[in-house]
C-alpha atoms as a PDB file:
ATOM      1  CA  UNK A   1      23.016   5.436 -20.791  1.00  0.00           C
ATOM      2  CA  UNK A   2      22.293   5.833 -17.050  1.00  0.00           C
ATOM      3  CA  UNK A   3      20.321   8.911 -16.049  1.00  0.00           C
ATOM      4  CA  UNK A   4      19.609  10.804 -12.835  1.00  0.00           C
ATOM      5  CA  UNK A   5      15.876  11.416 -12.462  1.00  0.00           C
ATOM      6  CA  UNK A   6      13.958  13.566 -10.010  1.00  0.00           C
ATOM      7  CA  UNK A   7      10.638  12.339  -8.621  1.00  0.00           C
ATOM      8  CA  UNK A   8       8.591  15.533  -8.523  1.00  0.00           C
ATOM      9  CA  UNK A   9       5.962  13.967  -6.291  1.00  0.00           C
ATOM     10  CA  UNK A  10       8.313  12.832  -3.514  1.00  0.00           C
ATOM     11  CA  UNK A  11      11.276  15.185  -4.129  1.00  0.00           C
ATOM     12  CA  UNK A  12      13.651  12.217  -4.314  1.00  0.00           C
ATOM     13  CA  UNK A  13      16.336  11.372  -6.841  1.00  0.00           C
ATOM     14  CA  UNK A  14      16.860   7.976  -8.457  1.00  0.00           C
ATOM     15  CA  UNK A  15      19.301   6.551 -10.985  1.00  0.00           C
ATOM     16  CA  UNK A  16      17.719   4.891 -14.003  1.00  0.00           C
ATOM     17  CA  UNK A  17      20.225   2.330 -15.288  1.00  0.00           C
ATOM     18  CA  UNK A  18      18.324  -0.061 -17.550  1.00  0.00           C
ATOM     19  CA  UNK A  19      21.578  -1.644 -18.747  1.00  0.00           C
ATOM     20  CA  UNK A  20      22.063  -3.151 -15.272  1.00  0.00           C
ATOM     21  CA  UNK A  21      18.934  -5.188 -15.827  1.00  0.00           C
ATOM     22  CA  UNK A  22      21.010  -7.542 -17.964  1.00  0.00           C
ATOM     23  CA  UNK A  23      23.183  -8.559 -15.010  1.00  0.00           C
ATOM     24  CA  UNK A  24      22.958 -12.241 -14.025  1.00  0.00           C
ATOM     25  CA  UNK A  25      20.185 -12.825 -11.461  1.00  0.00           C
ATOM     26  CA  UNK A  26      19.270  -9.122 -11.260  1.00  0.00           C
ATOM     27  CA  UNK A  27      15.666 -10.084 -12.002  1.00  0.00           C
ATOM     28  CA  UNK A  28      14.094 -13.347 -11.024  1.00  0.00           C
ATOM     29  CA  UNK A  29      10.953 -15.400 -11.043  1.00  0.00           C
ATOM     30  CA  UNK A  30       9.532 -15.646  -7.557  1.00  0.00           C
ATOM     31  CA  UNK A  31       6.608 -17.906  -8.305  1.00  0.00           C
ATOM     32  CA  UNK A  32       5.617 -20.222  -5.491  1.00  0.00           C
ATOM     33  CA  UNK A  33       3.692 -23.469  -5.304  1.00  0.00           C
ATOM     34  CA  UNK A  34      -0.088 -23.004  -5.141  1.00  0.00           C
ATOM     35  CA  UNK A  35      -1.442 -22.657  -1.611  1.00  0.00           C
ATOM     36  CA  UNK A  36      -4.201 -24.747  -0.146  1.00  0.00           C
ATOM     37  CA  UNK A  37      -7.526 -23.220   0.844  1.00  0.00           C
ATOM     38  CA  UNK A  38      -6.826 -24.171   4.455  1.00  0.00           C
ATOM     39  CA  UNK A  39      -3.624 -24.429   6.493  1.00  0.00           C
ATOM     40  CA  UNK A  40      -3.926 -26.222   9.818  1.00  0.00           C
ATOM     41  CA  UNK A  41      -1.084 -24.138  11.274  1.00  0.00           C
ATOM     42  CA  UNK A  42      -2.302 -20.709  10.071  1.00  0.00           C
ATOM     43  CA  UNK A  43      -3.924 -18.523  12.786  1.00  0.00           C
ATOM     44  CA  UNK A  44      -5.906 -16.578  10.148  1.00  0.00           C
ATOM     45  CA  UNK A  45      -7.685 -19.581   8.642  1.00  0.00           C
ATOM     46  CA  UNK A  46     -11.346 -20.304   9.314  1.00  0.00           C
ATOM     47  CA  UNK A  47     -11.858 -22.149  12.593  1.00  0.00           C
ATOM     48  CA  UNK A  48      -8.642 -20.825  14.141  1.00  0.00           C
ATOM     49  CA  UNK A  49     -10.164 -17.626  15.566  1.00  0.00           C
ATOM     50  CA  UNK A  50      -9.084 -18.569  19.099  1.00  0.00           C
ATOM     51  CA  UNK A  51      -5.444 -18.529  17.957  1.00  0.00           C
ATOM     52  CA  UNK A  52      -5.601 -14.744  17.554  1.00  0.00           C
ATOM     53  CA  UNK A  53      -6.430 -11.889  19.921  1.00  0.00           C
ATOM     54  CA  UNK A  54     -10.177 -11.079  20.150  1.00  0.00           C
ATOM     55  CA  UNK A  55     -11.435  -9.373  16.984  1.00  0.00           C
ATOM     56  CA  UNK A  56     -11.835  -5.597  16.950  1.00  0.00           C
ATOM     57  CA  UNK A  57     -14.223  -5.717  13.999  1.00  0.00           C
ATOM     58  CA  UNK A  58     -15.551  -8.248  11.509  1.00  0.00           C
ATOM     59  CA  UNK A  59     -17.879  -8.511   8.561  1.00  0.00           C
ATOM     60  CA  UNK A  60     -19.812 -11.640   9.426  1.00  0.00           C
ATOM     61  CA  UNK A  61     -23.227 -13.242   9.128  1.00  0.00           C
ATOM     62  CA  UNK A  62     -25.776 -11.914  11.612  1.00  0.00           C
ATOM     63  CA  UNK A  63     -26.181 -15.249  13.394  1.00  0.00           C
ATOM     64  CA  UNK A  64     -22.460 -15.897  13.914  1.00  0.00           C
ATOM     65  CA  UNK A  65     -20.816 -15.050  17.259  1.00  0.00           C
ATOM     66  CA  UNK A  66     -17.645 -12.985  17.595  1.00  0.00           C
ATOM     67  CA  UNK A  67     -14.329 -14.809  17.383  1.00  0.00           C
ATOM     68  CA  UNK A  68     -15.817 -17.780  15.581  1.00  0.00           C
ATOM     69  CA  UNK A  69     -16.534 -18.863  11.987  1.00  0.00           C
ATOM     70  CA  UNK A  70     -19.004 -16.956   9.821  1.00  0.00           C
ATOM     71  CA  UNK A  71     -16.844 -13.951   8.887  1.00  0.00           C
ATOM     72  CA  UNK A  72     -15.689 -12.666   5.505  1.00  0.00           C
ATOM     73  CA  UNK A  73     -13.253  -9.928   6.657  1.00  0.00           C
ATOM     74  CA  UNK A  74     -11.785  -9.859  10.151  1.00  0.00           C
ATOM     75  CA  UNK A  75      -9.807  -7.167  12.023  1.00  0.00           C
ATOM     76  CA  UNK A  76      -7.664  -8.192  14.996  1.00  0.00           C
ATOM     77  CA  UNK A  77      -4.920  -6.598  17.093  1.00  0.00           C
ATOM     78  CA  UNK A  78      -1.500  -7.748  15.914  1.00  0.00           C
ATOM     79  CA  UNK A  79      -0.336 -10.450  18.324  1.00  0.00           C
ATOM     80  CA  UNK A  80       3.267  -9.350  17.795  1.00  0.00           C
ATOM     81  CA  UNK A  81       2.581  -5.629  17.637  1.00  0.00           C
ATOM     82  CA  UNK A  82       5.223  -3.078  16.691  1.00  0.00           C
ATOM     83  CA  UNK A  83       3.330  -0.585  18.867  1.00  0.00           C
ATOM     84  CA  UNK A  84       1.009  -1.167  21.778  1.00  0.00           C
ATOM     85  CA  UNK A  85      -1.659   0.738  23.659  1.00  0.00           C
ATOM     86  CA  UNK A  86      -0.648   2.936  26.567  1.00  0.00           C
ATOM     87  CA  UNK A  87      -2.658   0.750  28.949  1.00  0.00           C
ATOM     88  CA  UNK A  88      -0.376  -2.243  28.343  1.00  0.00           C
ATOM     89  CA  UNK A  89       2.908  -0.416  28.938  1.00  0.00           C
ATOM     90  CA  UNK A  90       4.655  -0.583  32.278  1.00  0.00           C
ATOM     91  CA  UNK A  91       5.086   2.767  33.991  1.00  0.00           C
ATOM     92  CA  UNK A  92       8.525   4.192  34.531  1.00  0.00           C
ATOM     93  CA  UNK A  93      10.948   6.845  33.362  1.00  0.00           C
ATOM     94  CA  UNK A  94      12.065   7.079  29.782  1.00  0.00           C
ATOM     95  CA  UNK A  95      15.415   7.975  28.311  1.00  0.00           C
ATOM     96  CA  UNK A  96      15.856  11.517  26.904  1.00  0.00           C
ATOM     97  CA  UNK A  97      16.078  10.117  23.379  1.00  0.00           C
ATOM     98  CA  UNK A  98      13.311   7.511  23.765  1.00  0.00           C
ATOM     99  CA  UNK A  99       9.544   7.466  24.085  1.00  0.00           C
ATOM    100  CA  UNK A 100       7.144   4.663  25.016  1.00  0.00           C
ATOM    101  CA  UNK A 101       6.171   2.633  21.954  1.00  0.00           C
ATOM    102  CA  UNK A 102       2.503   3.503  22.093  1.00  0.00           C
ATOM    103  CA  UNK A 103       0.127   3.344  19.181  1.00  0.00           C
ATOM    104  CA  UNK A 104      -2.109   0.960  17.242  1.00  0.00           C
ATOM    105  CA  UNK A 105      -1.226  -2.142  15.254  1.00  0.00           C
ATOM    106  CA  UNK A 106      -4.017  -4.106  13.605  1.00  0.00           C
ATOM    107  CA  UNK A 107      -4.232  -6.916  11.069  1.00  0.00           C
ATOM    108  CA  UNK A 108      -7.029  -6.933   8.485  1.00  0.00           C
ATOM    109  CA  UNK A 109      -7.530 -10.545   7.368  1.00  0.00           C
ATOM    110  CA  UNK A 110      -8.912 -10.416   3.835  1.00  0.00           C
ATOM    111  CA  UNK A 111     -10.649 -13.770   3.623  1.00  0.00           C
ATOM    112  CA  UNK A 112     -11.252 -16.971   5.578  1.00  0.00           C
ATOM    113  CA  UNK A 113      -9.499 -18.846   2.756  1.00  0.00           C
ATOM    114  CA  UNK A 114      -5.731 -19.270   2.954  1.00  0.00           C
ATOM    115  CA  UNK A 115      -5.305 -18.954  -0.825  1.00  0.00           C
ATOM    116  CA  UNK A 116      -7.810 -16.157  -1.555  1.00  0.00           C
ATOM    117  CA  UNK A 117      -5.423 -13.420  -2.641  1.00  0.00           C
ATOM    118  CA  UNK A 118      -6.748  -9.940  -3.408  1.00  0.00           C
ATOM    119  CA  UNK A 119      -6.223 -10.197  -7.174  1.00  0.00           C
ATOM    120  CA  UNK A 120      -8.279 -13.396  -7.376  1.00  0.00           C
ATOM    121  CA  UNK A 121     -11.101 -12.400  -5.035  1.00  0.00           C
ATOM    122  CA  UNK A 122     -14.593 -11.632  -6.281  1.00  0.00           C
ATOM    123  CA  UNK A 123     -15.309  -7.948  -6.770  1.00  0.00           C
ATOM    124  CA  UNK A 124     -17.620  -7.932  -3.753  1.00  0.00           C
ATOM    125  CA  UNK A 125     -15.026  -9.507  -1.467  1.00  0.00           C
ATOM    126  CA  UNK A 126     -12.248  -7.169  -2.609  1.00  0.00           C
ATOM    127  CA  UNK A 127     -14.558  -4.162  -2.287  1.00  0.00           C
ATOM    128  CA  UNK A 128     -15.459  -5.156   1.275  1.00  0.00           C
ATOM    129  CA  UNK A 129     -11.766  -5.447   2.112  1.00  0.00           C
ATOM    130  CA  UNK A 130     -11.070  -1.899   0.884  1.00  0.00           C
ATOM    131  CA  UNK A 131     -14.174  -0.572   2.613  1.00  0.00           C
ATOM    132  CA  UNK A 132     -12.977  -2.131   5.860  1.00  0.00           C
ATOM    133  CA  UNK A 133      -9.605  -0.416   5.437  1.00  0.00           C
ATOM    134  CA  UNK A 134     -11.389   2.905   4.894  1.00  0.00           C
ATOM    135  CA  UNK A 135     -13.677   2.395   7.886  1.00  0.00           C
ATOM    136  CA  UNK A 136     -10.803   1.424  10.194  1.00  0.00           C
ATOM    137  CA  UNK A 137      -8.997   4.579   9.078  1.00  0.00           C
ATOM    138  CA  UNK A 138     -12.062   6.622  10.009  1.00  0.00           C
ATOM    139  CA  UNK A 139     -12.373   4.851  13.350  1.00  0.00           C
ATOM    140  CA  UNK A 140      -8.784   5.553  14.415  1.00  0.00           C
ATOM    141  CA  UNK A 141      -8.686   9.048  12.921  1.00  0.00           C
ATOM    142  CA  UNK A 142     -10.631  10.371  15.921  1.00  0.00           C
ATOM    143  CA  UNK A 143      -8.181   8.984  18.474  1.00  0.00           C
ATOM    144  CA  UNK A 144      -6.331  12.075  19.684  1.00  0.00           C
ATOM    145  CA  UNK A 145      -3.081  10.224  20.444  1.00  0.00           C
ATOM    146  CA  UNK A 146      -2.703   8.752  16.926  1.00  0.00           C
ATOM    147  CA  UNK A 147      -0.640  11.041  14.685  1.00  0.00           C
ATOM    148  CA  UNK A 148      -0.615   9.021  11.464  1.00  0.00           C
ATOM    149  CA  UNK A 149      -2.564   6.058  10.095  1.00  0.00           C
ATOM    150  CA  UNK A 150      -0.392   3.883   7.888  1.00  0.00           C
ATOM    151  CA  UNK A 151      -2.140   1.104   5.947  1.00  0.00           C
ATOM    152  CA  UNK A 152       0.001  -1.337   4.010  1.00  0.00           C
ATOM    153  CA  UNK A 153       0.194  -4.825   2.582  1.00  0.00           C
ATOM    154  CA  UNK A 154       3.266  -7.072   2.597  1.00  0.00           C
ATOM    155  CA  UNK A 155       3.077 -10.177   0.431  1.00  0.00           C
ATOM    156  CA  UNK A 156       5.882 -12.712   0.397  1.00  0.00           C
ATOM    157  CA  UNK A 157       8.978 -13.092   2.541  1.00  0.00           C
ATOM    158  CA  UNK A 158      11.012 -10.551   0.553  1.00  0.00           C
ATOM    159  CA  UNK A 159       8.383  -7.942   1.423  1.00  0.00           C
ATOM    160  CA  UNK A 160       8.632  -8.595   5.159  1.00  0.00           C
ATOM    161  CA  UNK A 161       5.548 -10.810   5.443  1.00  0.00           C
ATOM    162  CA  UNK A 162       5.683 -13.663   7.966  1.00  0.00           C
ATOM    163  CA  UNK A 163       2.397 -15.353   6.975  1.00  0.00           C
ATOM    164  CA  UNK A 164       1.085 -16.380   3.538  1.00  0.00           C
ATOM    165  CA  UNK A 165      -2.590 -15.865   4.399  1.00  0.00           C
ATOM    166  CA  UNK A 166      -3.712 -12.653   2.599  1.00  0.00           C
ATOM    167  CA  UNK A 167      -3.888  -9.720   4.982  1.00  0.00           C
ATOM    168  CA  UNK A 168      -3.235  -6.002   5.378  1.00  0.00           C
ATOM    169  CA  UNK A 169      -1.847  -4.126   8.360  1.00  0.00           C
ATOM    170  CA  UNK A 170      -2.684  -0.804   9.984  1.00  0.00           C
ATOM    171  CA  UNK A 171      -0.179   0.968  12.230  1.00  0.00           C
ATOM    172  CA  UNK A 172      -1.027   4.196  14.039  1.00  0.00           C
ATOM    173  CA  UNK A 173       2.056   5.750  15.673  1.00  0.00           C
ATOM    174  CA  UNK A 174       1.861   8.507  18.280  1.00  0.00           C
ATOM    175  CA  UNK A 175       4.516  10.512  16.473  1.00  0.00           C
ATOM    176  CA  UNK A 176       4.905  11.744  12.895  1.00  0.00           C
ATOM    177  CA  UNK A 177       7.955  10.216  11.161  1.00  0.00           C
ATOM    178  CA  UNK A 178      10.455  12.832   9.899  1.00  0.00           C
ATOM    179  CA  UNK A 179      10.076  11.586   6.319  1.00  0.00           C
ATOM    180  CA  UNK A 180       6.347  12.382   6.412  1.00  0.00           C
ATOM    181  CA  UNK A 181       6.977  15.810   7.956  1.00  0.00           C
ATOM    182  CA  UNK A 182       9.560  16.602   5.277  1.00  0.00           C
ATOM    183  CA  UNK A 183       7.203  15.533   2.494  1.00  0.00           C
ATOM    184  CA  UNK A 184       4.364  17.659   3.854  1.00  0.00           C
ATOM    185  CA  UNK A 185       6.699  20.673   4.030  1.00  0.00           C
ATOM    186  CA  UNK A 186       7.796  20.058   0.440  1.00  0.00           C
ATOM    187  CA  UNK A 187       4.164  19.880  -0.734  1.00  0.00           C
ATOM    188  CA  UNK A 188       3.373  23.190   0.996  1.00  0.00           C
ATOM    189  CA  UNK A 189       6.445  24.850  -0.533  1.00  0.00           C
ATOM    190  CA  UNK A 190       5.579  23.595  -4.017  1.00  0.00           C
ATOM    191  CA  UNK A 191       2.024  24.889  -3.695  1.00  0.00           C
ATOM    192  CA  UNK A 192       3.267  28.272  -2.499  1.00  0.00           C
ATOM    193  CA  UNK A 193       5.684  28.590  -5.434  1.00  0.00           C
ATOM    194  CA  UNK A 194       3.489  27.211  -8.238  1.00  0.00           C
ATOM    195  CA  UNK A 195      -0.083  27.887  -7.132  1.00  0.00           C
ATOM    196  CA  UNK A 196      -1.103  24.232  -7.531  1.00  0.00           C
ATOM    197  CA  UNK A 197      -0.354  21.009  -5.726  1.00  0.00           C
ATOM    198  CA  UNK A 198       2.555  18.873  -6.825  1.00  0.00           C
ATOM    199  CA  UNK A 199       0.020  16.045  -7.264  1.00  0.00           C
ATOM    200  CA  UNK A 200      -2.018  18.053  -9.754  1.00  0.00           C
ATOM    201  CA  UNK A 201       1.155  19.067 -11.580  1.00  0.00           C
ATOM    202  CA  UNK A 202       2.310  15.450 -11.904  1.00  0.00           C
ATOM    203  CA  UNK A 203      -1.133  14.243 -13.003  1.00  0.00           C
ATOM    204  CA  UNK A 204      -1.369  16.931 -15.694  1.00  0.00           C
ATOM    205  CA  UNK A 205       2.151  16.232 -16.959  1.00  0.00           C
ATOM    206  CA  UNK A 206       1.648  12.471 -17.121  1.00  0.00           C
ATOM    207  CA  UNK A 207      -1.766  12.672 -18.793  1.00  0.00           C
ATOM    208  CA  UNK A 208      -0.336  15.044 -21.407  1.00  0.00           C
ATOM    209  CA  UNK A 209       2.707  12.838 -22.044  1.00  0.00           C
ATOM    210  CA  UNK A 210       0.721   9.548 -21.952  1.00  0.00           C
ATOM    211  CA  UNK A 211       3.965   7.569 -21.940  1.00  0.00           C
ATOM    212  CA  UNK A 212       3.760   6.335 -18.349  1.00  0.00           C
ATOM    213  CA  UNK A 213      -0.013   6.337 -17.818  1.00  0.00           C
ATOM    214  CA  UNK A 214      -1.277   2.815 -17.203  1.00  0.00           C
ATOM    215  CA  UNK A 215      -4.978   3.583 -16.767  1.00  0.00           C
ATOM    216  CA  UNK A 216      -7.360   6.470 -16.132  1.00  0.00           C
ATOM    217  CA  UNK A 217     -10.860   6.121 -14.703  1.00  0.00           C
ATOM    218  CA  UNK A 218     -13.482   8.523 -13.382  1.00  0.00           C
ATOM    219  CA  UNK A 219     -11.672   8.825 -10.056  1.00  0.00           C
ATOM    220  CA  UNK A 220      -8.052   7.707 -10.490  1.00  0.00           C
ATOM    221  CA  UNK A 221      -5.025   7.787 -12.738  1.00  0.00           C
ATOM    222  CA  UNK A 222      -2.416   5.037 -12.475  1.00  0.00           C
ATOM    223  CA  UNK A 223       1.152   5.766 -13.536  1.00  0.00           C
ATOM    224  CA  UNK A 224       4.633   4.351 -13.452  1.00  0.00           C
ATOM    225  CA  UNK A 225       6.557   7.322 -12.002  1.00  0.00           C
ATOM    226  CA  UNK A 226       9.058   9.117 -14.247  1.00  0.00           C
ATOM    227  CA  UNK A 227      11.647   8.555 -11.515  1.00  0.00           C
ATOM    228  CA  UNK A 228      10.527   5.111 -10.362  1.00  0.00           C
ATOM    229  CA  UNK A 229      12.378   3.954  -7.282  1.00  0.00           C
ATOM    230  CA  UNK A 230      12.329   0.287  -8.258  1.00  0.00           C
ATOM    231  CA  UNK A 231      11.381  -1.925 -11.227  1.00  0.00           C
ATOM    232  CA  UNK A 232       7.663  -1.830 -12.078  1.00  0.00           C
ATOM    233  CA  UNK A 233       6.779   0.613  -9.307  1.00  0.00           C
ATOM    234  CA  UNK A 234       3.270   2.102  -9.577  1.00  0.00           C
ATOM    235  CA  UNK A 235       1.306   5.040  -8.179  1.00  0.00           C
ATOM    236  CA  UNK A 236      -2.490   5.142  -8.065  1.00  0.00           C
ATOM    237  CA  UNK A 237      -3.391   8.828  -7.726  1.00  0.00           C
ATOM    238  CA  UNK A 238      -6.884  10.151  -6.930  1.00  0.00           C
ATOM    239  CA  UNK A 239      -8.178  12.883  -9.217  1.00  0.00           C
ATOM    240  CA  UNK A 240     -10.081  14.453  -6.317  1.00  0.00           C
ATOM    241  CA  UNK A 241      -8.300  16.669  -3.797  1.00  0.00           C
ATOM    242  CA  UNK A 242      -8.298  14.517  -0.663  1.00  0.00           C
ATOM    243  CA  UNK A 243      -5.568  14.610   1.969  1.00  0.00           C
ATOM    244  CA  UNK A 244      -6.846  11.629   3.947  1.00  0.00           C
ATOM    245  CA  UNK A 245      -7.660   8.114   2.773  1.00  0.00           C
ATOM    246  CA  UNK A 246     -10.657   8.157   5.105  1.00  0.00           C
ATOM    247  CA  UNK A 247     -12.392  10.632   2.788  1.00  0.00           C
ATOM    248  CA  UNK A 248     -12.715   8.137  -0.063  1.00  0.00           C
ATOM    249  CA  UNK A 249     -16.369   7.584  -0.994  1.00  0.00           C
ATOM    250  CA  UNK A 250     -18.112   4.290  -1.697  1.00  0.00           C
ATOM    251  CA  UNK A 251     -18.196   5.175  -5.411  1.00  0.00           C
ATOM    252  CA  UNK A 252     -14.454   5.783  -5.395  1.00  0.00           C
ATOM    253  CA  UNK A 253     -13.895   2.484  -3.590  1.00  0.00           C
ATOM    254  CA  UNK A 254     -15.934   0.719  -6.281  1.00  0.00           C
ATOM    255  CA  UNK A 255     -13.693   2.350  -8.897  1.00  0.00           C
ATOM    256  CA  UNK A 256     -10.487   1.527  -7.018  1.00  0.00           C
ATOM    257  CA  UNK A 257     -11.275  -2.153  -6.462  1.00  0.00           C
ATOM    258  CA  UNK A 258     -10.875  -3.403 -10.081  1.00  0.00           C
ATOM    259  CA  UNK A 259      -7.889  -1.101 -10.569  1.00  0.00           C
ATOM    260  CA  UNK A 260      -5.925  -2.799  -7.805  1.00  0.00           C
ATOM    261  CA  UNK A 261      -7.148  -6.269  -8.734  1.00  0.00           C
ATOM    262  CA  UNK A 262      -6.107  -5.782 -12.368  1.00  0.00           C
ATOM    263  CA  UNK A 263      -2.651  -4.436 -11.490  1.00  0.00           C
ATOM    264  CA  UNK A 264      -1.907  -7.184  -8.986  1.00  0.00           C
ATOM    265  CA  UNK A 265      -3.179  -9.836 -11.368  1.00  0.00           C
ATOM    266  CA  UNK A 266      -0.944  -8.531 -14.155  1.00  0.00           C
ATOM    267  CA  UNK A 267       2.058  -8.485 -11.819  1.00  0.00           C
ATOM    268  CA  UNK A 268       1.357 -12.080 -10.779  1.00  0.00           C
ATOM    269  CA  UNK A 269       0.942 -13.220 -14.372  1.00  0.00           C
ATOM    270  CA  UNK A 270       3.786 -11.310 -15.983  1.00  0.00           C
ATOM    271  CA  UNK A 271       6.345 -11.110 -13.177  1.00  0.00           C
ATOM    272  CA  UNK A 272       5.987 -14.601 -11.768  1.00  0.00           C
ATOM    273  CA  UNK A 273       3.963 -13.925  -8.604  1.00  0.00           C
ATOM    274  CA  UNK A 274       6.471 -11.501  -7.107  1.00  0.00           C
ATOM    275  CA  UNK A 275       6.658 -10.570  -3.473  1.00  0.00           C
ATOM    276  CA  UNK A 276       5.495  -6.988  -3.093  1.00  0.00           C
ATOM    277  CA  UNK A 277       4.699  -4.063  -0.816  1.00  0.00           C
ATOM    278  CA  UNK A 278       1.636  -1.906  -1.244  1.00  0.00           C
ATOM    279  CA  UNK A 279       1.245   1.238   0.890  1.00  0.00           C
ATOM    280  CA  UNK A 280      -1.390   3.934   1.228  1.00  0.00           C
ATOM    281  CA  UNK A 281       0.293   7.295   1.791  1.00  0.00           C
ATOM    282  CA  UNK A 282      -1.890   9.777   3.644  1.00  0.00           C
ATOM    283  CA  UNK A 283      -1.604  13.019   5.594  1.00  0.00           C
ATOM    284  CA  UNK A 284      -1.024  12.985   9.368  1.00  0.00           C
ATOM    285  CA  UNK A 285      -4.204  13.102  11.424  1.00  0.00           C
ATOM    286  CA  UNK A 286      -3.099  16.492  12.726  1.00  0.00           C
ATOM    287  CA  UNK A 287      -3.278  17.937   9.215  1.00  0.00           C
ATOM    288  CA  UNK A 288      -6.607  19.355   8.121  1.00  0.00           C
ATOM    289  CA  UNK A 289      -7.934  18.831   4.606  1.00  0.00           C
ATOM    290  CA  UNK A 290      -6.085  21.109   2.203  1.00  0.00           C
ATOM    291  CA  UNK A 291      -5.083  21.415  -1.439  1.00  0.00           C
ATOM    292  CA  UNK A 292      -1.343  20.840  -1.020  1.00  0.00           C
ATOM    293  CA  UNK A 293      -1.400  17.094  -0.391  1.00  0.00           C
ATOM    294  CA  UNK A 294      -3.318  14.047  -1.645  1.00  0.00           C
ATOM    295  CA  UNK A 295      -3.352  10.504  -0.359  1.00  0.00           C
ATOM    296  CA  UNK A 296      -2.134   7.948  -2.882  1.00  0.00           C
ATOM    297  CA  UNK A 297      -1.199   4.282  -3.275  1.00  0.00           C
ATOM    298  CA  UNK A 298       2.309   3.030  -3.999  1.00  0.00           C
ATOM    299  CA  UNK A 299       2.936  -0.490  -5.307  1.00  0.00           C
ATOM    300  CA  UNK A 300       6.461  -1.963  -5.342  1.00  0.00           C
ATOM    301  CA  UNK A 301       7.167  -5.508  -6.569  1.00  0.00           C
ATOM    302  CA  UNK A 302      10.289  -6.817  -4.829  1.00  0.00           C
ATOM    303  CA  UNK A 303      12.297  -7.811  -7.882  1.00  0.00           C
ATOM    304  CA  UNK A 304      15.576  -6.174  -6.873  1.00  0.00           C
ATOM    305  CA  UNK A 305      17.579  -6.165  -3.666  1.00  0.00           C
ATOM    306  CA  UNK A 306      18.461  -2.912  -1.922  1.00  0.00           C
ATOM    307  CA  UNK A 307      22.234  -2.542  -1.680  1.00  0.00           C
ATOM    308  CA  UNK A 308      24.848  -0.531   0.128  1.00  0.00           C
ATOM    309  CA  UNK A 309      24.595   2.444  -2.222  1.00  0.00           C
ATOM    310  CA  UNK A 310      20.909   2.902  -1.421  1.00  0.00           C
ATOM    311  CA  UNK A 311      21.637   2.564   2.297  1.00  0.00           C
ATOM    312  CA  UNK A 312      24.393   5.163   2.131  1.00  0.00           C
ATOM    313  CA  UNK A 313      22.661   7.713  -0.100  1.00  0.00           C
ATOM    314  CA  UNK A 314      18.884   7.041  -0.095  1.00  0.00           C
ATOM    315  CA  UNK A 315      19.201   7.214  -3.902  1.00  0.00           C
ATOM    316  CA  UNK A 316      17.773   4.079  -5.493  1.00  0.00           C
ATOM    317  CA  UNK A 317      18.985   2.433  -8.690  1.00  0.00           C
ATOM    318  CA  UNK A 318      16.178   1.261 -10.996  1.00  0.00           C
ATOM    319  CA  UNK A 319      16.900  -1.082 -13.883  1.00  0.00           C
ATOM    320  CA  UNK A 320      13.527  -0.942 -15.683  1.00  0.00           C
ATOM    321  CA  UNK A 321      12.442   2.097 -17.694  1.00  0.00           C
ATOM    322  CA  UNK A 322       9.026   3.269 -16.377  1.00  0.00           C
ATOM    323  CA  UNK A 323       7.694   3.590 -19.924  1.00  0.00           C
ATOM    324  CA  UNK A 324       8.426  -0.102 -20.454  1.00  0.00           C
ATOM    325  CA  UNK A 325       6.764  -0.892 -17.121  1.00  0.00           C
ATOM    326  CA  UNK A 326       3.665   1.147 -18.013  1.00  0.00           C
ATOM    327  CA  UNK A 327       3.290  -0.672 -21.339  1.00  0.00           C
ATOM    328  CA  UNK A 328       3.535  -3.971 -19.443  1.00  0.00           C
ATOM    329  CA  UNK A 329       0.734  -3.024 -17.031  1.00  0.00           C
ATOM    330  CA  UNK A 330      -1.494  -1.608 -19.770  1.00  0.00           C
ATOM    331  CA  UNK A 331      -1.872  -5.112 -21.194  1.00  0.00           C
ATOM    332  CA  UNK A 332      -3.598  -6.187 -17.996  1.00  0.00           C
ATOM    333  CA  UNK A 333      -5.832  -3.114 -17.918  1.00  0.00           C
ATOM    334  CA  UNK A 334      -6.885  -3.652 -21.537  1.00  0.00           C
ATOM    335  CA  UNK A 335      -7.790  -7.270 -20.784  1.00  0.00           C
ATOM    336  CA  UNK A 336      -9.732  -6.128 -17.741  1.00  0.00           C
ATOM    337  CA  UNK A 337     -11.640  -3.586 -19.817  1.00  0.00           C
ATOM    338  CA  UNK A 338     -12.473  -6.104 -22.541  1.00  0.00           C
ATOM    339  CA  UNK A 339     -13.749  -8.613 -19.986  1.00  0.00           C
ATOM    340  CA  UNK A 340     -16.165  -6.028 -18.605  1.00  0.00           C
ATOM    341  CA  UNK A 341     -14.675  -5.877 -15.098  1.00  0.00           C
END
């Protein structure tokens, strides 16, 4: 029987309707043909550095020059940026309901190889990717005009990705989106009423119930939310009270790396290499460190299509019970544990 469910962490409602999962074509296999290590048309592949804007940062061998081969992780300005620096905007008046589209938009290229997806990378390579994300967060955090640092990964066309080569993106807008403001206000209100953060409350409830916990390590707990927005949605929640992703330590990064690799590998194996979105939610840069909010990671395989009801109501219909999803992911975590990774 369908059920309304409230997501305590985000203060959003969803409809869990597992019976709709039996509809024709409601779920699908999105596996694609294997990619080659090198694509002559891809601007992110090794040897094509001149096809992109000059790099802002790179992990590369000491004897290799900038904007050439020899790198393992490369950060570049997005050539087709959603936001651009103030210096590149033409001067002129703005409309009362419009502001110049200033901000930051970077691409973090994970590997010189076209087919080296995060789940299949060596631990060291994946760790260096996450460390680069953390360090770019720290770098932009001190820019006074940046109000939020949003780090995300789109994989596959259904996720919004335009290139197959594995990469992340970082966007730093000069305004705080209303959704983020509303969530921060909700977290403050919850803390004021209950004397603990909503994140701590959710973590305690899920660990006690155990039904939707996928994995728990020294630094993180991974869950399928009670009110999952979409099939096989995941949260990776830090156990430490940290409002900003930039506060993550090297030890925490080393803990997080196999968690993400295991989850993505299991999704690829069991869900047919689905397109997906992965986002790091974090506090605005204007917010100081406090107990009310914690940064966290959200993973959403794109197995269902958003329809008119979601557009009209912002209430999502999920056709997979999160307990079933958690049991599915636990298989991958158990294999990862047995293999010693």
